[in-house]
Amino acid sequence: TGLLLAVAAADIRYAQEVGQYSMMVCLLTFSLL
């Protein structure tokens, strides 16, 4: 799972963009955990 997300183009793109989408994915991940 970690490897797939590490290389995922969408996650990389929004990790390099000012905005809330990277934070959204992070918060949803921890809410599920």
PDB file of all heavy atoms in Angstrom:
ATOM      1  N   THR A   1       0.827  -1.211   0.000  1.00  0.00           N
ATOM      2  CA  THR A   1       0.000   0.000   0.000  1.00  0.00           C
ATOM      3  C   THR A   1       0.856   1.252   0.000  1.00  0.00           C
ATOM      4  O   THR A   1       0.630   2.188  -0.776  1.00  0.00           O
ATOM      5  CB  THR A   1      -0.923   0.010   1.233  1.00  0.00           C
ATOM      6  OG1 THR A   1      -1.630  -1.210   1.324  1.00  0.00           O
ATOM      7  CG2 THR A   1      -1.915   1.162   1.150  1.00  0.00           C
ATOM      8  N   GLY A   2       1.855   1.266   0.902  1.00  0.00           N
ATOM      9  CA  GLY A   2       2.737   2.426   0.978  1.00  0.00           C
ATOM     10  C   GLY A   2       3.500   2.662  -0.302  1.00  0.00           C
ATOM     11  O   GLY A   2       3.659   3.812  -0.747  1.00  0.00           O
ATOM     12  N   LEU A   3       3.957   1.590  -0.927  1.00  0.00           N
ATOM     13  CA  LEU A   3       4.706   1.700  -2.179  1.00  0.00           C
ATOM     14  C   LEU A   3       3.825   2.241  -3.297  1.00  0.00           C
ATOM     15  O   LEU A   3       4.243   3.109  -4.077  1.00  0.00           O
ATOM     16  CB  LEU A   3       5.282   0.346  -2.560  1.00  0.00           C
ATOM     17  CG  LEU A   3       6.183   0.299  -3.802  1.00  0.00           C
ATOM     18  CD1 LEU A   3       7.390   1.217  -3.627  1.00  0.00           C
ATOM     19  CD2 LEU A   3       6.635  -1.129  -4.075  1.00  0.00           C
ATOM     20  N   LEU A   4       2.597   1.759  -3.377  1.00  0.00           N
ATOM     21  CA  LEU A   4       1.675   2.226  -4.421  1.00  0.00           C
ATOM     22  C   LEU A   4       1.379   3.715  -4.265  1.00  0.00           C
ATOM     23  O   LEU A   4       1.378   4.465  -5.247  1.00  0.00           O
ATOM     24  CB  LEU A   4       0.369   1.430  -4.362  1.00  0.00           C
ATOM     25  CG  LEU A   4       0.443  -0.025  -4.846  1.00  0.00           C
ATOM     26  CD1 LEU A   4      -0.826  -0.778  -4.475  1.00  0.00           C
ATOM     27  CD2 LEU A   4       0.665  -0.081  -6.357  1.00  0.00           C
ATOM     28  N   LEU A   5       1.128   4.156  -3.040  1.00  0.00           N
ATOM     29  CA  LEU A   5       0.844   5.574  -2.836  1.00  0.00           C
ATOM     30  C   LEU A   5       2.106   6.411  -3.031  1.00  0.00           C
ATOM     31  O   LEU A   5       2.033   7.546  -3.516  1.00  0.00           O
ATOM     32  CB  LEU A   5       0.278   5.814  -1.434  1.00  0.00           C
ATOM     33  CG  LEU A   5      -0.187   7.249  -1.166  1.00  0.00           C
ATOM     34  CD1 LEU A   5      -1.323   7.638  -2.100  1.00  0.00           C
ATOM     35  CD2 LEU A   5      -0.609   7.432   0.288  1.00  0.00           C
ATOM     36  N   ALA A   6       3.255   5.861  -2.679  1.00  0.00           N
ATOM     37  CA  ALA A   6       4.508   6.610  -2.816  1.00  0.00           C
ATOM     38  C   ALA A   6       4.767   7.018  -4.259  1.00  0.00           C
ATOM     39  O   ALA A   6       5.306   8.097  -4.520  1.00  0.00           O
ATOM     40  CB  ALA A   6       5.679   5.778  -2.278  1.00  0.00           C
ATOM     41  N   VAL A   7       4.377   6.169  -5.208  1.00  0.00           N
ATOM     42  CA  VAL A   7       4.662   6.454  -6.619  1.00  0.00           C
ATOM     43  C   VAL A   7       3.442   6.967  -7.373  1.00  0.00           C
ATOM     44  O   VAL A   7       3.549   7.304  -8.553  1.00  0.00           O
ATOM     45  CB  VAL A   7       5.207   5.203  -7.332  1.00  0.00           C
ATOM     46  CG1 VAL A   7       6.450   4.672  -6.635  1.00  0.00           C
ATOM     47  CG2 VAL A   7       4.145   4.103  -7.415  1.00  0.00           C
ATOM     48  N   ALA A   8       2.284   7.036  -6.723  1.00  0.00           N
ATOM     49  CA  ALA A   8       1.053   7.429  -7.406  1.00  0.00           C
ATOM     50  C   ALA A   8       1.162   8.857  -7.943  1.00  0.00           C
ATOM     51  O   ALA A   8       1.440   9.796  -7.196  1.00  0.00           O
ATOM     52  CB  ALA A   8      -0.133   7.310  -6.459  1.00  0.00           C
ATOM     53  N   ALA A   9       0.905   9.014  -9.233  1.00  0.00           N
ATOM     54  CA  ALA A   9       1.092  10.314  -9.873  1.00  0.00           C
ATOM     55  C   ALA A   9       0.176  11.383  -9.290  1.00  0.00           C
ATOM     56  O   ALA A   9       0.569  12.541  -9.138  1.00  0.00           O
ATOM     57  CB  ALA A   9       0.846  10.179 -11.382  1.00  0.00           C
ATOM     58  N   ALA A  10      -1.078  11.017  -8.965  1.00  0.00           N
ATOM     59  CA  ALA A  10      -2.008  12.015  -8.428  1.00  0.00           C
ATOM     60  C   ALA A  10      -1.549  12.513  -7.067  1.00  0.00           C
ATOM     61  O   ALA A  10      -1.593  13.715  -6.791  1.00  0.00           O
ATOM     62  CB  ALA A  10      -3.415  11.429  -8.334  1.00  0.00           C
ATOM     63  N   ASP A  11      -1.114  11.604  -6.218  1.00  0.00           N
ATOM     64  CA  ASP A  11      -0.674  12.029  -4.884  1.00  0.00           C
ATOM     65  C   ASP A  11       0.588  12.874  -4.979  1.00  0.00           C
ATOM     66  O   ASP A  11       0.756  13.852  -4.241  1.00  0.00           O
ATOM     67  CB  ASP A  11      -0.433  10.811  -3.991  1.00  0.00           C
ATOM     68  CG  ASP A  11      -0.423  11.190  -2.519  1.00  0.00           C
ATOM     69  OD1 ASP A  11      -1.515  11.367  -1.953  1.00  0.00           O
ATOM     70  OD2 ASP A  11       0.667  11.339  -1.942  1.00  0.00           O
ATOM     71  N   ILE A  12       1.491  12.525  -5.891  1.00  0.00           N
ATOM     72  CA  ILE A  12       2.703  13.321  -6.081  1.00  0.00           C
ATOM     73  C   ILE A  12       2.347  14.708  -6.592  1.00  0.00           C
ATOM     74  O   ILE A  12       2.888  15.723  -6.135  1.00  0.00           O
ATOM     75  CB  ILE A  12       3.662  12.613  -7.062  1.00  0.00           C
ATOM     76  CG1 ILE A  12       4.190  11.324  -6.444  1.00  0.00           C
ATOM     77  CG2 ILE A  12       4.822  13.535  -7.442  1.00  0.00           C
ATOM     78  CD1 ILE A  12       5.004  10.474  -7.390  1.00  0.00           C
ATOM     79  N   ARG A  13       1.422  14.758  -7.541  1.00  0.00           N
ATOM     80  CA  ARG A  13       1.037  16.048  -8.108  1.00  0.00           C
ATOM     81  C   ARG A  13       0.494  16.979  -7.026  1.00  0.00           C
ATOM     82  O   ARG A  13       0.874  18.148  -6.935  1.00  0.00           O
ATOM     83  CB  ARG A  13      -0.005  15.829  -9.202  1.00  0.00           C
ATOM     84  CG  ARG A  13      -0.373  17.092 -10.029  1.00  0.00           C
ATOM     85  CD  ARG A  13      -1.348  17.954  -9.365  1.00  0.00           C
ATOM     86  NE  ARG A  13      -1.651  19.225  -9.906  1.00  0.00           N
ATOM     87  CZ  ARG A  13      -2.427  19.483 -10.952  1.00  0.00           C
ATOM     88  NH1 ARG A  13      -2.878  18.517 -11.693  1.00  0.00           N
ATOM     89  NH2 ARG A  13      -2.748  20.719 -11.254  1.00  0.00           N
ATOM     90  N   TYR A  14      -0.409  16.470  -6.170  1.00  0.00           N
ATOM     91  CA  TYR A  14      -1.018  17.340  -5.162  1.00  0.00           C
ATOM     92  C   TYR A  14      -0.135  17.520  -3.936  1.00  0.00           C
ATOM     93  O   TYR A  14      -0.403  18.402  -3.117  1.00  0.00           O
ATOM     94  CB  TYR A  14      -2.411  16.831  -4.812  1.00  0.00           C
ATOM     95  CG  TYR A  14      -3.351  17.063  -5.968  1.00  0.00           C
ATOM     96  CD1 TYR A  14      -3.682  16.037  -6.845  1.00  0.00           C
ATOM     97  CD2 TYR A  14      -3.848  18.331  -6.231  1.00  0.00           C
ATOM     98  CE1 TYR A  14      -4.500  16.264  -7.939  1.00  0.00           C
ATOM     99  CE2 TYR A  14      -4.667  18.572  -7.331  1.00  0.00           C
ATOM    100  CZ  TYR A  14      -4.988  17.536  -8.176  1.00  0.00           C
ATOM    101  OH  TYR A  14      -5.780  17.767  -9.272  1.00  0.00           O
ATOM    102  N   ALA A  15       0.914  16.713  -3.831  1.00  0.00           N
ATOM    103  CA  ALA A  15       1.941  16.984  -2.820  1.00  0.00           C
ATOM    104  C   ALA A  15       2.799  18.173  -3.224  1.00  0.00           C
ATOM    105  O   ALA A  15       3.486  18.768  -2.387  1.00  0.00           O
ATOM    106  CB  ALA A  15       2.825  15.754  -2.619  1.00  0.00           C
ATOM    107  N   GLN A  16       2.761  18.532  -4.500  1.00  0.00           N
ATOM    108  CA  GLN A  16       3.551  19.649  -5.028  1.00  0.00           C
ATOM    109  C   GLN A  16       2.660  20.816  -5.429  1.00  0.00           C
ATOM    110  O   GLN A  16       3.030  21.603  -6.287  1.00  0.00           O
ATOM    111  CB  GLN A  16       4.362  19.173  -6.232  1.00  0.00           C
ATOM    112  CG  GLN A  16       5.370  18.094  -5.896  1.00  0.00           C
ATOM    113  CD  GLN A  16       6.233  17.719  -7.082  1.00  0.00           C
ATOM    114  OE1 GLN A  16       5.803  17.769  -8.223  1.00  0.00           O
ATOM    115  NE2 GLN A  16       7.468  17.348  -6.816  1.00  0.00           N
ATOM    116  N   GLU A  17       1.515  20.928  -4.789  1.00  0.00           N
ATOM    117  CA  GLU A  17       0.576  21.990  -5.141  1.00  0.00           C
ATOM    118  C   GLU A  17      -0.006  22.610  -3.878  1.00  0.00           C
ATOM    119  O   GLU A  17      -0.382  21.901  -2.939  1.00  0.00           O
ATOM    120  CB  GLU A  17      -0.547  21.439  -6.015  1.00  0.00           C
ATOM    121  CG  GLU A  17      -1.552  22.494  -6.439  1.00  0.00           C
ATOM    122  CD  GLU A  17      -2.508  21.991  -7.503  1.00  0.00           C
ATOM    123  OE1 GLU A  17      -2.010  21.528  -8.553  1.00  0.00           O
ATOM    124  OE2 GLU A  17      -3.724  22.043  -7.286  1.00  0.00           O
ATOM    125  N   VAL A  18      -0.096  23.935  -3.869  1.00  0.00           N
ATOM    126  CA  VAL A  18      -0.726  24.637  -2.764  1.00  0.00           C
ATOM    127  C   VAL A  18      -2.220  24.335  -2.806  1.00  0.00           C
ATOM    128  O   VAL A  18      -2.878  24.565  -3.817  1.00  0.00           O
ATOM    129  CB  VAL A  18      -0.492  26.156  -2.866  1.00  0.00           C
ATOM    130  CG1 VAL A  18      -1.151  26.876  -1.688  1.00  0.00           C
ATOM    131  CG2 VAL A  18       0.992  26.468  -2.920  1.00  0.00           C
ATOM    132  N   GLY A  19      -2.755  23.805  -1.731  1.00  0.00           N
ATOM    133  CA  GLY A  19      -4.170  23.460  -1.719  1.00  0.00           C
ATOM    134  C   GLY A  19      -4.458  22.413  -0.676  1.00  0.00           C
ATOM    135  O   GLY A  19      -3.563  21.946   0.042  1.00  0.00           O
ATOM    136  N   GLN A  20      -5.723  21.989  -0.606  1.00  0.00           N
ATOM    137  CA  GLN A  20      -6.177  21.146   0.487  1.00  0.00           C
ATOM    138  C   GLN A  20      -6.242  19.667   0.162  1.00  0.00           C
ATOM    139  O   GLN A  20      -6.536  18.860   1.038  1.00  0.00           O
ATOM    140  CB  GLN A  20      -7.569  21.607   0.936  1.00  0.00           C
ATOM    141  CG  GLN A  20      -8.697  21.267  -0.021  1.00  0.00           C
ATOM    142  CD  GLN A  20      -8.878  22.315  -1.097  1.00  0.00           C
ATOM    143  OE1 GLN A  20      -7.932  22.886  -1.608  1.00  0.00           O
ATOM    144  NE2 GLN A  20     -10.123  22.578  -1.442  1.00  0.00           N
ATOM    145  N   TYR A  21      -5.952  19.259  -1.078  1.00  0.00           N
ATOM    146  CA  TYR A  21      -6.200  17.874  -1.456  1.00  0.00           C
ATOM    147  C   TYR A  21      -5.235  16.894  -0.792  1.00  0.00           C
ATOM    148  O   TYR A  21      -5.628  15.788  -0.410  1.00  0.00           O
ATOM    149  CB  TYR A  21      -6.177  17.738  -2.976  1.00  0.00           C
ATOM    150  CG  TYR A  21      -7.374  18.405  -3.593  1.00  0.00           C
ATOM    151  CD1 TYR A  21      -7.290  19.697  -4.106  1.00  0.00           C
ATOM    152  CD2 TYR A  21      -8.607  17.776  -3.609  1.00  0.00           C
ATOM    153  CE1 TYR A  21      -8.405  20.330  -4.638  1.00  0.00           C
ATOM    154  CE2 TYR A  21      -9.729  18.398  -4.140  1.00  0.00           C
ATOM    155  CZ  TYR A  21      -9.618  19.680  -4.644  1.00  0.00           C
ATOM    156  OH  TYR A  21     -10.728  20.311  -5.151  1.00  0.00           O
ATOM    157  N   SER A  22      -3.996  17.282  -0.644  1.00  0.00           N
ATOM    158  CA  SER A  22      -3.046  16.424   0.055  1.00  0.00           C
ATOM    159  C   SER A  22      -3.441  16.269   1.520  1.00  0.00           C
ATOM    160  O   SER A  22      -3.381  15.168   2.085  1.00  0.00           O
ATOM    161  CB  SER A  22      -1.638  17.013  -0.062  1.00  0.00           C
ATOM    162  OG  SER A  22      -0.687  16.170   0.530  1.00  0.00           O
ATOM    163  N   MET A  23      -3.872  17.359   2.136  1.00  0.00           N
ATOM    164  CA  MET A  23      -4.324  17.304   3.526  1.00  0.00           C
ATOM    165  C   MET A  23      -5.584  16.457   3.646  1.00  0.00           C
ATOM    166  O   MET A  23      -5.753  15.708   4.607  1.00  0.00           O
ATOM    167  CB  MET A  23      -4.570  18.719   4.051  1.00  0.00           C
ATOM    168  CG  MET A  23      -5.093  18.766   5.483  1.00  0.00           C
ATOM    169  SD  MET A  23      -4.971  20.392   6.278  1.00  0.00           S
ATOM    170  CE  MET A  23      -5.838  21.433   5.100  1.00  0.00           C
ATOM    171  N   MET A  24      -6.481  16.550   2.677  1.00  0.00           N
ATOM    172  CA  MET A  24      -7.709  15.767   2.693  1.00  0.00           C
ATOM    173  C   MET A  24      -7.417  14.274   2.710  1.00  0.00           C
ATOM    174  O   MET A  24      -7.962  13.520   3.524  1.00  0.00           O
ATOM    175  CB  MET A  24      -8.566  16.114   1.483  1.00  0.00           C
ATOM    176  CG  MET A  24      -9.853  15.313   1.384  1.00  0.00           C
ATOM    177  SD  MET A  24     -10.767  15.593  -0.157  1.00  0.00           S
ATOM    178  CE  MET A  24      -9.780  14.651  -1.312  1.00  0.00           C
ATOM    179  N   VAL A  25      -6.532  13.815   1.812  1.00  0.00           N
ATOM    180  CA  VAL A  25      -6.193  12.395   1.752  1.00  0.00           C
ATOM    181  C   VAL A  25      -5.554  11.946   3.062  1.00  0.00           C
ATOM    182  O   VAL A  25      -5.856  10.861   3.587  1.00  0.00           O
ATOM    183  CB  VAL A  25      -5.252  12.115   0.566  1.00  0.00           C
ATOM    184  CG1 VAL A  25      -4.772  10.661   0.589  1.00  0.00           C
ATOM    185  CG2 VAL A  25      -5.959  12.408  -0.755  1.00  0.00           C
ATOM    186  N   CYS A  26      -4.691  12.781   3.622  1.00  0.00           N
ATOM    187  CA  CYS A  26      -4.030  12.457   4.886  1.00  0.00           C
ATOM    188  C   CYS A  26      -5.043  12.295   6.014  1.00  0.00           C
ATOM    189  O   CYS A  26      -5.015  11.309   6.762  1.00  0.00           O
ATOM    190  CB  CYS A  26      -3.019  13.548   5.229  1.00  0.00           C
ATOM    191  SG  CYS A  26      -2.222  13.341   6.841  1.00  0.00           S
ATOM    192  N   LEU A  27      -5.959  13.237   6.144  1.00  0.00           N
ATOM    193  CA  LEU A  27      -6.943  13.191   7.224  1.00  0.00           C
ATOM    194  C   LEU A  27      -7.880  11.998   7.066  1.00  0.00           C
ATOM    195  O   LEU A  27      -8.241  11.343   8.061  1.00  0.00           O
ATOM    196  CB  LEU A  27      -7.733  14.491   7.259  1.00  0.00           C
ATOM    197  CG  LEU A  27      -6.943  15.730   7.686  1.00  0.00           C
ATOM    198  CD1 LEU A  27      -7.763  17.001   7.467  1.00  0.00           C
ATOM    199  CD2 LEU A  27      -6.522  15.626   9.152  1.00  0.00           C
ATOM    200  N   LEU A  28      -8.286  11.684   5.847  1.00  0.00           N
ATOM    201  CA  LEU A  28      -9.153  10.533   5.632  1.00  0.00           C
ATOM    202  C   LEU A  28      -8.428   9.228   5.970  1.00  0.00           C
ATOM    203  O   LEU A  28      -9.036   8.297   6.515  1.00  0.00           O
ATOM    204  CB  LEU A  28      -9.646  10.506   4.190  1.00  0.00           C
ATOM    205  CG  LEU A  28     -10.649  11.588   3.804  1.00  0.00           C
ATOM    206  CD1 LEU A  28     -11.062  11.450   2.348  1.00  0.00           C
ATOM    207  CD2 LEU A  28     -11.877  11.541   4.701  1.00  0.00           C
ATOM    208  N   THR A  29      -7.148   9.165   5.653  1.00  0.00           N
ATOM    209  CA  THR A  29      -6.363   7.974   5.988  1.00  0.00           C
ATOM    210  C   THR A  29      -6.331   7.741   7.487  1.00  0.00           C
ATOM    211  O   THR A  29      -6.577   6.625   7.975  1.00  0.00           O
ATOM    212  CB  THR A  29      -4.931   8.119   5.449  1.00  0.00           C
ATOM    213  OG1 THR A  29      -4.966   8.248   4.027  1.00  0.00           O
ATOM    214  CG2 THR A  29      -4.073   6.922   5.832  1.00  0.00           C
ATOM    215  N   PHE A  30      -6.061   8.804   8.243  1.00  0.00           N
ATOM    216  CA  PHE A  30      -5.967   8.641   9.695  1.00  0.00           C
ATOM    217  C   PHE A  30      -7.345   8.480  10.332  1.00  0.00           C
ATOM    218  O   PHE A  30      -7.476   7.797  11.363  1.00  0.00           O
ATOM    219  CB  PHE A  30      -5.200   9.802  10.311  1.00  0.00           C
ATOM    220  CG  PHE A  30      -3.720   9.644  10.188  1.00  0.00           C
ATOM    221  CD1 PHE A  30      -3.029  10.215   9.130  1.00  0.00           C
ATOM    222  CD2 PHE A  30      -3.011   8.893  11.104  1.00  0.00           C
ATOM    223  CE1 PHE A  30      -1.662  10.053   9.003  1.00  0.00           C
ATOM    224  CE2 PHE A  30      -1.647   8.717  10.988  1.00  0.00           C
ATOM    225  CZ  PHE A  30      -0.961   9.305   9.932  1.00  0.00           C
ATOM    226  N   SER A  31      -8.376   9.074   9.746  1.00  0.00           N
ATOM    227  CA  SER A  31      -9.720   8.850  10.299  1.00  0.00           C
ATOM    228  C   SER A  31     -10.093   7.376  10.189  1.00  0.00           C
ATOM    229  O   SER A  31     -10.691   6.798  11.110  1.00  0.00           O
ATOM    230  CB  SER A  31     -10.749   9.724   9.566  1.00  0.00           C
ATOM    231  OG  SER A  31     -11.050   9.217   8.276  1.00  0.00           O
ATOM    232  N   LEU A  32      -9.725   6.738   9.063  1.00  0.00           N
ATOM    233  CA  LEU A  32     -10.020   5.319   8.893  1.00  0.00           C
ATOM    234  C   LEU A  32      -9.166   4.464   9.837  1.00  0.00           C
ATOM    235  O   LEU A  32      -9.648   3.482  10.413  1.00  0.00           O
ATOM    236  CB  LEU A  32      -9.788   4.914   7.441  1.00  0.00           C
ATOM    237  CG  LEU A  32     -10.199   3.479   7.057  1.00  0.00           C
ATOM    238  CD1 LEU A  32     -11.679   3.256   7.348  1.00  0.00           C
ATOM    239  CD2 LEU A  32      -9.897   3.211   5.588  1.00  0.00           C
ATOM    240  N   LEU A  33      -7.910   4.848  10.011  1.00  0.00           N
ATOM    241  CA  LEU A  33      -7.035   4.110  10.932  1.00  0.00           C
ATOM    242  C   LEU A  33      -7.597   4.155  12.350  1.00  0.00           C
ATOM    243  O   LEU A  33      -7.680   3.133  13.037  1.00  0.00           O
ATOM    244  CB  LEU A  33      -5.624   4.707  10.899  1.00  0.00           C
ATOM    245  CG  LEU A  33      -4.613   4.118  11.900  1.00  0.00           C
ATOM    246  CD1 LEU A  33      -4.408   2.627  11.658  1.00  0.00           C
ATOM    247  CD2 LEU A  33      -3.289   4.866  11.815  1.00  0.00           C
TER     248      LEU A  33
END
